[in-house]
PDB file of all heavy atoms in Angstrom:
ATOM      1  N   LYS A   1      98.239 108.154 131.244  1.00  0.00           N
ATOM      2  CA  LYS A   1      99.397 108.731 131.874  1.00  0.00           C
ATOM      3  C   LYS A   1     100.406 109.167 130.791  1.00  0.00           C
ATOM      4  O   LYS A   1     100.542 108.459 129.775  1.00  0.00           O
ATOM      5  CB  LYS A   1     100.021 107.686 132.784  1.00  0.00           C
ATOM      6  CG  LYS A   1      98.998 107.052 133.734  1.00  0.00           C
ATOM      7  CD  LYS A   1      99.029 107.665 135.057  1.00  0.00           C
ATOM      8  CE  LYS A   1      98.297 107.009 136.108  1.00  0.00           C
ATOM      9  NZ  LYS A   1      96.868 106.932 135.977  1.00  0.00           N
ATOM     10  N   ARG A   2     101.062 110.297 130.896  1.00  0.00           N
ATOM     11  CA  ARG A   2     102.097 110.699 130.001  1.00  0.00           C
ATOM     12  C   ARG A   2     103.414 110.489 130.705  1.00  0.00           C
ATOM     13  O   ARG A   2     103.624 110.879 131.825  1.00  0.00           O
ATOM     14  CB  ARG A   2     101.869 112.160 129.649  1.00  0.00           C
ATOM     15  CG  ARG A   2     100.535 112.376 128.969  1.00  0.00           C
ATOM     16  CD  ARG A   2     100.338 113.766 128.532  1.00  0.00           C
ATOM     17  NE  ARG A   2     100.141 114.522 129.751  1.00  0.00           N
ATOM     18  CZ  ARG A   2     100.044 115.873 129.842  1.00  0.00           C
ATOM     19  NH1 ARG A   2     100.142 116.559 128.729  1.00  0.00           N
ATOM     20  NH2 ARG A   2      99.829 116.486 130.991  1.00  0.00           N
ATOM     21  N   VAL A   3     104.429 109.883 129.946  1.00  0.00           N
ATOM     22  CA  VAL A   3     105.661 109.549 130.479  1.00  0.00           C
ATOM     23  C   VAL A   3     106.726 110.142 129.650  1.00  0.00           C
ATOM     24  O   VAL A   3     106.751 110.044 128.451  1.00  0.00           O
ATOM     25  CB  VAL A   3     105.895 108.024 130.586  1.00  0.00           C
ATOM     26  CG1 VAL A   3     107.259 107.676 131.078  1.00  0.00           C
ATOM     27  CG2 VAL A   3     104.756 107.373 131.331  1.00  0.00           C
ATOM     28  N   GLY A   4     107.775 110.793 130.280  1.00  0.00           N
ATOM     29  CA  GLY A   4     108.886 111.345 129.633  1.00  0.00           C
ATOM     30  C   GLY A   4     110.189 110.748 130.213  1.00  0.00           C
ATOM     31  O   GLY A   4     110.194 110.466 131.372  1.00  0.00           O
ATOM     32  N   PHE A   5     111.198 110.556 129.381  1.00  0.00           N
ATOM     33  CA  PHE A   5     112.502 110.124 129.870  1.00  0.00           C
ATOM     34  C   PHE A   5     113.530 110.673 128.938  1.00  0.00           C
ATOM     35  O   PHE A   5     113.265 111.120 127.823  1.00  0.00           O
ATOM     36  CB  PHE A   5     112.518 108.668 129.948  1.00  0.00           C
ATOM     37  CG  PHE A   5     112.173 108.001 128.583  1.00  0.00           C
ATOM     38  CD1 PHE A   5     113.287 107.591 127.747  1.00  0.00           C
ATOM     39  CD2 PHE A   5     110.895 107.651 128.260  1.00  0.00           C
ATOM     40  CE1 PHE A   5     112.975 107.002 126.447  1.00  0.00           C
ATOM     41  CE2 PHE A   5     110.610 107.073 126.955  1.00  0.00           C
ATOM     42  CZ  PHE A   5     111.663 106.748 126.109  1.00  0.00           C
ATOM     43  N   GLN A   6     114.811 110.589 129.337  1.00  0.00           N
ATOM     44  CA  GLN A   6     115.928 110.991 128.503  1.00  0.00           C
ATOM     45  C   GLN A   6     117.122 110.125 128.696  1.00  0.00           C
ATOM     46  O   GLN A   6     117.276 109.446 129.751  1.00  0.00           O
ATOM     47  CB  GLN A   6     116.256 112.481 128.768  1.00  0.00           C
ATOM     48  CG  GLN A   6     116.880 112.732 130.118  1.00  0.00           C
ATOM     49  CD  GLN A   6     117.110 114.221 130.238  1.00  0.00           C
ATOM     50  OE1 GLN A   6     116.560 115.106 129.607  1.00  0.00           O
ATOM     51  NE2 GLN A   6     118.091 114.520 131.149  1.00  0.00           N
ATOM     52  N   PHE A   7     117.916 110.094 127.680  1.00  0.00           N
ATOM     53  CA  PHE A   7     119.207 109.383 127.643  1.00  0.00           C
ATOM     54  C   PHE A   7     120.056 109.986 126.555  1.00  0.00           C
ATOM     55  O   PHE A   7     119.501 110.835 125.759  1.00  0.00           O
ATOM     56  CB  PHE A   7     119.006 107.926 127.514  1.00  0.00           C
ATOM     57  CG  PHE A   7     118.326 107.447 126.195  1.00  0.00           C
ATOM     58  CD1 PHE A   7     119.068 107.005 125.127  1.00  0.00           C
ATOM     59  CD2 PHE A   7     116.886 107.466 126.122  1.00  0.00           C
ATOM     60  CE1 PHE A   7     118.435 106.653 123.960  1.00  0.00           C
ATOM     61  CE2 PHE A   7     116.338 107.068 124.901  1.00  0.00           C
ATOM     62  CZ  PHE A   7     117.070 106.691 123.793  1.00  0.00           C
ATOM     63  N   LYS A   8     121.233 109.519 126.418  1.00  0.00           N
ATOM     64  CA  LYS A   8     122.151 110.164 125.501  1.00  0.00           C
ATOM     65  C   LYS A   8     122.782 108.999 124.625  1.00  0.00           C
ATOM     66  O   LYS A   8     123.268 108.041 125.108  1.00  0.00           O
ATOM     67  CB  LYS A   8     123.239 110.959 126.131  1.00  0.00           C
ATOM     68  CG  LYS A   8     123.982 111.837 125.087  1.00  0.00           C
ATOM     69  CD  LYS A   8     124.780 112.904 125.815  1.00  0.00           C
ATOM     70  CE  LYS A   8     125.361 113.864 124.776  1.00  0.00           C
ATOM     71  NZ  LYS A   8     126.153 114.914 125.392  1.00  0.00           N
ATOM     72  N   VAL A   9     122.722 109.220 123.317  1.00  0.00           N
ATOM     73  CA  VAL A   9     123.312 108.361 122.344  1.00  0.00           C
ATOM     74  C   VAL A   9     124.839 108.750 122.195  1.00  0.00           C
ATOM     75  O   VAL A   9     125.171 109.989 122.194  1.00  0.00           O
ATOM     76  CB  VAL A   9     122.660 108.459 120.956  1.00  0.00           C
ATOM     77  CG1 VAL A   9     123.412 107.651 119.922  1.00  0.00           C
ATOM     78  CG2 VAL A   9     121.221 107.951 121.115  1.00  0.00           C
ATOM     79  N   ARG A  10     125.732 107.812 122.123  1.00  0.00           N
ATOM     80  CA  ARG A  10     127.114 108.170 121.883  1.00  0.00           C
ATOM     81  C   ARG A  10     127.268 109.010 120.631  1.00  0.00           C
ATOM     82  O   ARG A  10     126.726 108.656 119.532  1.00  0.00           O
ATOM     83  CB  ARG A  10     127.968 106.865 121.816  1.00  0.00           C
ATOM     84  CG  ARG A  10     128.047 106.154 123.062  1.00  0.00           C
ATOM     85  CD  ARG A  10     128.827 104.809 122.915  1.00  0.00           C
ATOM     86  NE  ARG A  10     129.922 104.882 122.026  1.00  0.00           N
ATOM     87  CZ  ARG A  10     130.668 103.913 121.537  1.00  0.00           C
ATOM     88  NH1 ARG A  10     130.309 102.684 121.870  1.00  0.00           N
ATOM     89  NH2 ARG A  10     131.681 104.166 120.749  1.00  0.00           N
ATOM     90  N   LYS A  11     128.031 110.036 120.734  1.00  0.00           N
ATOM     91  CA  LYS A  11     128.132 110.993 119.617  1.00  0.00           C
ATOM     92  C   LYS A  11     128.648 110.301 118.349  1.00  0.00           C
ATOM     93  O   LYS A  11     128.211 110.595 117.261  1.00  0.00           O
ATOM     94  CB  LYS A  11     128.985 112.190 120.032  1.00  0.00           C
ATOM     95  CG  LYS A  11     128.817 113.373 119.185  1.00  0.00           C
ATOM     96  CD  LYS A  11     129.458 114.648 119.779  1.00  0.00           C
ATOM     97  CE  LYS A  11     128.855 115.834 119.073  1.00  0.00           C
ATOM     98  NZ  LYS A  11     129.129 117.037 119.803  1.00  0.00           N
ATOM     99  N   ASP A  12     129.604 109.404 118.507  1.00  0.00           N
ATOM    100  CA  ASP A  12     130.151 108.697 117.385  1.00  0.00           C
ATOM    101  C   ASP A  12     129.285 107.611 116.738  1.00  0.00           C
ATOM    102  O   ASP A  12     129.543 107.069 115.747  1.00  0.00           O
ATOM    103  CB  ASP A  12     131.503 108.055 117.656  1.00  0.00           C
ATOM    104  CG  ASP A  12     131.418 107.004 118.832  1.00  0.00           C
ATOM    105  OD1 ASP A  12     130.617 107.087 119.670  1.00  0.00           O
ATOM    106  OD2 ASP A  12     132.205 106.062 118.762  1.00  0.00           O
ATOM    107  N   ARG A  13     128.024 107.399 117.395  1.00  0.00           N
ATOM    108  CA  ARG A  13     127.134 106.390 116.885  1.00  0.00           C
ATOM    109  C   ARG A  13     125.774 106.950 116.535  1.00  0.00           C
ATOM    110  O   ARG A  13     124.850 106.154 116.287  1.00  0.00           O
ATOM    111  CB  ARG A  13     126.987 105.303 117.969  1.00  0.00           C
ATOM    112  CG  ARG A  13     128.174 104.605 118.512  1.00  0.00           C
ATOM    113  CD  ARG A  13     129.036 103.817 117.496  1.00  0.00           C
ATOM    114  NE  ARG A  13     128.323 102.698 116.942  1.00  0.00           N
ATOM    115  CZ  ARG A  13     128.307 101.458 117.397  1.00  0.00           C
ATOM    116  NH1 ARG A  13     128.985 101.238 118.506  1.00  0.00           N
ATOM    117  NH2 ARG A  13     127.711 100.438 116.809  1.00  0.00           N
ATOM    118  N   ILE A  14     125.612 108.281 116.509  1.00  0.00           N
ATOM    119  CA  ILE A  14     124.334 108.873 116.223  1.00  0.00           C
ATOM    120  C   ILE A  14     123.710 108.451 114.879  1.00  0.00           C
ATOM    121  O   ILE A  14     122.540 108.077 114.865  1.00  0.00           O
ATOM    122  CB  ILE A  14     124.410 110.428 116.313  1.00  0.00           C
ATOM    123  CG1 ILE A  14     124.623 110.804 117.750  1.00  0.00           C
ATOM    124  CG2 ILE A  14     123.156 111.056 115.751  1.00  0.00           C
ATOM    125  CD1 ILE A  14     124.854 112.342 117.998  1.00  0.00           C
ATOM    126  N   ALA A  15     124.523 108.474 113.850  1.00  0.00           N
ATOM    127  CA  ALA A  15     124.013 108.135 112.491  1.00  0.00           C
ATOM    128  C   ALA A  15     123.525 106.688 112.482  1.00  0.00           C
ATOM    129  O   ALA A  15     122.460 106.403 111.890  1.00  0.00           O
ATOM    130  CB  ALA A  15     125.065 108.302 111.442  1.00  0.00           C
ATOM    131  N   GLU A  16     124.251 105.767 113.093  1.00  0.00           N
ATOM    132  CA  GLU A  16     123.789 104.338 113.108  1.00  0.00           C
ATOM    133  C   GLU A  16     122.525 104.202 113.879  1.00  0.00           C
ATOM    134  O   GLU A  16     121.653 103.439 113.502  1.00  0.00           O
ATOM    135  CB  GLU A  16     124.946 103.466 113.756  1.00  0.00           C
ATOM    136  CG  GLU A  16     126.148 103.353 112.878  1.00  0.00           C
ATOM    137  CD  GLU A  16     127.187 102.578 113.657  1.00  0.00           C
ATOM    138  OE1 GLU A  16     127.977 103.310 114.375  1.00  0.00           O
ATOM    139  OE2 GLU A  16     127.252 101.362 113.627  1.00  0.00           O
ATOM    140  N   TYR A  17     122.479 104.905 115.064  1.00  0.00           N
ATOM    141  CA  TYR A  17     121.327 104.773 115.850  1.00  0.00           C
ATOM    142  C   TYR A  17     120.074 105.256 115.076  1.00  0.00           C
ATOM    143  O   TYR A  17     119.052 104.617 115.126  1.00  0.00           O
ATOM    144  CB  TYR A  17     121.512 105.719 117.159  1.00  0.00           C
ATOM    145  CG  TYR A  17     120.376 105.714 118.073  1.00  0.00           C
ATOM    146  CD1 TYR A  17     120.297 104.707 119.063  1.00  0.00           C
ATOM    147  CD2 TYR A  17     119.343 106.646 117.983  1.00  0.00           C
ATOM    148  CE1 TYR A  17     119.145 104.775 119.943  1.00  0.00           C
ATOM    149  CE2 TYR A  17     118.266 106.650 118.785  1.00  0.00           C
ATOM    150  CZ  TYR A  17     118.185 105.662 119.815  1.00  0.00           C
ATOM    151  OH  TYR A  17     117.089 105.757 120.672  1.00  0.00           O
ATOM    152  N   GLU A  18     120.219 106.393 114.431  1.00  0.00           N
ATOM    153  CA  GLU A  18     119.098 106.913 113.617  1.00  0.00           C
ATOM    154  C   GLU A  18     118.654 105.923 112.506  1.00  0.00           C
ATOM    155  O   GLU A  18     117.531 105.713 112.346  1.00  0.00           O
ATOM    156  CB  GLU A  18     119.435 108.277 113.011  1.00  0.00           C
ATOM    157  CG  GLU A  18     119.529 109.340 113.981  1.00  0.00           C
ATOM    158  CD  GLU A  18     119.974 110.666 113.409  1.00  0.00           C
ATOM    159  OE1 GLU A  18     120.846 110.668 112.515  1.00  0.00           O
ATOM    160  OE2 GLU A  18     119.573 111.672 113.850  1.00  0.00           O
ATOM    161  N   GLU A  19     119.651 105.286 111.929  1.00  0.00           N
ATOM    162  CA  GLU A  19     119.362 104.323 110.836  1.00  0.00           C
ATOM    163  C   GLU A  19     118.606 103.137 111.373  1.00  0.00           C
ATOM    164  O   GLU A  19     117.632 102.720 110.731  1.00  0.00           O
ATOM    165  CB  GLU A  19     120.632 103.911 110.147  1.00  0.00           C
ATOM    166  CG  GLU A  19     120.440 103.126 108.872  1.00  0.00           C
ATOM    167  CD  GLU A  19     119.683 103.947 107.779  1.00  0.00           C
ATOM    168  OE1 GLU A  19     119.825 105.188 107.684  1.00  0.00           O
ATOM    169  OE2 GLU A  19     118.951 103.303 107.004  1.00  0.00           O
ATOM    170  N   HIS A  20     118.991 102.635 112.477  1.00  0.00           N
ATOM    171  CA  HIS A  20     118.236 101.450 113.095  1.00  0.00           C
ATOM    172  C   HIS A  20     116.864 101.854 113.456  1.00  0.00           C
ATOM    173  O   HIS A  20     115.974 101.020 113.379  1.00  0.00           O
ATOM    174  CB  HIS A  20     119.057 100.912 114.296  1.00  0.00           C
ATOM    175  CG  HIS A  20     120.253 100.171 113.867  1.00  0.00           C
ATOM    176  ND1 HIS A  20     120.203  98.965 113.135  1.00  0.00           N
ATOM    177  CD2 HIS A  20     121.583 100.419 114.070  1.00  0.00           C
ATOM    178  CE1 HIS A  20     121.456  98.576 112.980  1.00  0.00           C
ATOM    179  NE2 HIS A  20     122.223  99.398 113.544  1.00  0.00           N
ATOM    180  N   HIS A  21     116.654 103.072 113.932  1.00  0.00           N
ATOM    181  CA  HIS A  21     115.303 103.500 114.216  1.00  0.00           C
ATOM    182  C   HIS A  21     114.384 103.807 113.039  1.00  0.00           C
ATOM    183  O   HIS A  21     113.143 103.938 113.200  1.00  0.00           O
ATOM    184  CB  HIS A  21     115.357 104.741 115.254  1.00  0.00           C
ATOM    185  CG  HIS A  21     115.453 104.245 116.629  1.00  0.00           C
ATOM    186  ND1 HIS A  21     116.678 103.825 117.147  1.00  0.00           N
ATOM    187  CD2 HIS A  21     114.613 104.033 117.644  1.00  0.00           C
ATOM    188  CE1 HIS A  21     116.534 103.445 118.379  1.00  0.00           C
ATOM    189  NE2 HIS A  21     115.224 103.521 118.669  1.00  0.00           N
ATOM    190  N   LYS A  22     114.930 103.803 111.904  1.00  0.00           N
ATOM    191  CA  LYS A  22     114.141 103.946 110.683  1.00  0.00           C
ATOM    192  C   LYS A  22     113.549 102.592 110.329  1.00  0.00           C
ATOM    193  O   LYS A  22     112.555 102.499 109.537  1.00  0.00           O
ATOM    194  CB  LYS A  22     115.003 104.429 109.477  1.00  0.00           C
ATOM    195  CG  LYS A  22     115.417 105.919 109.607  1.00  0.00           C
ATOM    196  CD  LYS A  22     116.289 106.269 108.361  1.00  0.00           C
ATOM    197  CE  LYS A  22     116.800 107.664 108.520  1.00  0.00           C
ATOM    198  NZ  LYS A  22     117.758 107.976 107.437  1.00  0.00           N
ATOM    199  N   HIS A  23     114.159 101.579 110.937  1.00  0.00           N
ATOM    200  CA  HIS A  23     113.768 100.145 110.597  1.00  0.00           C
ATOM    201  C   HIS A  23     113.566  99.361 111.817  1.00  0.00           C
ATOM    202  O   HIS A  23     114.159  98.268 112.038  1.00  0.00           O
ATOM    203  CB  HIS A  23     114.759  99.476 109.711  1.00  0.00           C
ATOM    204  CG  HIS A  23     115.125 100.304 108.444  1.00  0.00           C
ATOM    205  ND1 HIS A  23     114.355 100.474 107.395  1.00  0.00           N
ATOM    206  CD2 HIS A  23     116.186 101.040 108.242  1.00  0.00           C
ATOM    207  CE1 HIS A  23     114.848 101.283 106.470  1.00  0.00           C
ATOM    208  NE2 HIS A  23     116.052 101.594 106.960  1.00  0.00           N
ATOM    209  N   VAL A  24     112.795  99.868 112.839  1.00  0.00           N
ATOM    210  CA  VAL A  24     112.590  99.133 114.023  1.00  0.00           C
ATOM    211  C   VAL A  24     111.918  97.797 113.725  1.00  0.00           C
ATOM    212  O   VAL A  24     111.035  97.678 112.854  1.00  0.00           O
ATOM    213  CB  VAL A  24     111.616 100.005 114.992  1.00  0.00           C
ATOM    214  CG1 VAL A  24     111.311  99.155 116.249  1.00  0.00           C
ATOM    215  CG2 VAL A  24     112.281 101.240 115.345  1.00  0.00           C
ATOM    216  N   TRP A  25     112.331  96.731 114.398  1.00  0.00           N
ATOM    217  CA  TRP A  25     111.872  95.444 114.147  1.00  0.00           C
ATOM    218  C   TRP A  25     110.332  95.416 114.280  1.00  0.00           C
ATOM    219  O   TRP A  25     109.814  95.840 115.306  1.00  0.00           O
ATOM    220  CB  TRP A  25     112.495  94.420 115.060  1.00  0.00           C
ATOM    221  CG  TRP A  25     114.034  94.400 115.045  1.00  0.00           C
ATOM    222  CD1 TRP A  25     114.842  94.840 114.081  1.00  0.00           C
ATOM    223  CD2 TRP A  25     114.885  93.926 116.113  1.00  0.00           C
ATOM    224  NE1 TRP A  25     116.143  94.656 114.404  1.00  0.00           N
ATOM    225  CE2 TRP A  25     116.224  94.080 115.675  1.00  0.00           C
ATOM    226  CE3 TRP A  25     114.599  93.397 117.402  1.00  0.00           C
ATOM    227  CZ2 TRP A  25     117.270  93.758 116.456  1.00  0.00           C
ATOM    228  CZ3 TRP A  25     115.690  93.042 118.155  1.00  0.00           C
ATOM    229  CH2 TRP A  25     117.020  93.194 117.699  1.00  0.00           C
ATOM    230  N   PRO A  26     109.592  94.803 113.396  1.00  0.00           N
ATOM    231  CA  PRO A  26     108.153  94.739 113.476  1.00  0.00           C
ATOM    232  C   PRO A  26     107.746  94.086 114.764  1.00  0.00           C
ATOM    233  O   PRO A  26     106.723  94.510 115.343  1.00  0.00           O
ATOM    234  CB  PRO A  26     107.754  93.903 112.303  1.00  0.00           C
ATOM    235  CG  PRO A  26     108.821  94.075 111.264  1.00  0.00           C
ATOM    236  CD  PRO A  26     110.132  94.205 112.063  1.00  0.00           C
ATOM    237  N   GLU A  27     108.425  93.090 115.226  1.00  0.00           N
ATOM    238  CA  GLU A  27     108.016  92.409 116.437  1.00  0.00           C
ATOM    239  C   GLU A  27     108.192  93.310 117.724  1.00  0.00           C
ATOM    240  O   GLU A  27     107.427  93.249 118.648  1.00  0.00           O
ATOM    241  CB  GLU A  27     108.937  91.108 116.795  1.00  0.00           C
ATOM    242  CG  GLU A  27     108.927  90.143 115.600  1.00  0.00           C
ATOM    243  CD  GLU A  27     109.924  90.368 114.537  1.00  0.00           C
ATOM    244  OE1 GLU A  27     110.527  91.537 114.462  1.00  0.00           O
ATOM    245  OE2 GLU A  27     110.218  89.390 113.777  1.00  0.00           O
ATOM    246  N   MET A  28     109.144  94.321 117.642  1.00  0.00           N
ATOM    247  CA  MET A  28     109.320  95.247 118.716  1.00  0.00           C
ATOM    248  C   MET A  28     108.208  96.209 118.657  1.00  0.00           C
ATOM    249  O   MET A  28     107.650  96.592 119.735  1.00  0.00           O
ATOM    250  CB  MET A  28     110.644  95.930 118.557  1.00  0.00           C
ATOM    251  CG  MET A  28     110.985  96.932 119.654  1.00  0.00           C
ATOM    252  SD  MET A  28     111.044  96.120 121.273  1.00  0.00           S
ATOM    253  CE  MET A  28     111.487  97.531 122.313  1.00  0.00           C
ATOM    254  N   LEU A  29     107.751  96.627 117.577  1.00  0.00           N
ATOM    255  CA  LEU A  29     106.648  97.578 117.423  1.00  0.00           C
ATOM    256  C   LEU A  29     105.385  96.909 117.968  1.00  0.00           C
ATOM    257  O   LEU A  29     104.571  97.532 118.630  1.00  0.00           O
ATOM    258  CB  LEU A  29     106.462  98.013 115.987  1.00  0.00           C
ATOM    259  CG  LEU A  29     107.571  98.913 115.364  1.00  0.00           C
ATOM    260  CD1 LEU A  29     107.355  99.173 113.893  1.00  0.00           C
ATOM    261  CD2 LEU A  29     107.795 100.140 116.128  1.00  0.00           C
ATOM    262  N   ASP A  30     105.191  95.634 117.610  1.00  0.00           N
ATOM    263  CA  ASP A  30     104.051  94.829 118.119  1.00  0.00           C
ATOM    264  C   ASP A  30     104.102  94.801 119.728  1.00  0.00           C
ATOM    265  O   ASP A  30     103.035  94.994 120.338  1.00  0.00           O
ATOM    266  CB  ASP A  30     104.042  93.399 117.590  1.00  0.00           C
ATOM    267  CG  ASP A  30     103.701  93.348 116.105  1.00  0.00           C
ATOM    268  OD1 ASP A  30     103.156  94.365 115.548  1.00  0.00           O
ATOM    269  OD2 ASP A  30     103.994  92.350 115.473  1.00  0.00           O
ATOM    270  N   ALA A  31     105.256  94.539 120.245  1.00  0.00           N
ATOM    271  CA  ALA A  31     105.429  94.406 121.682  1.00  0.00           C
ATOM    272  C   ALA A  31     105.055  95.736 122.420  1.00  0.00           C
ATOM    273  O   ALA A  31     104.389  95.684 123.409  1.00  0.00           O
ATOM    274  CB  ALA A  31     106.828  94.002 122.082  1.00  0.00           C
TER     275      ALA A  31
END
């Protein structure tokens, strides 16, 4: 099954959001 979804990141927090997603917690990736 293919699933798509959308949401919006706060404009003033985009850079931080991107940075955290460069380093997703290994336990989260495992989950």
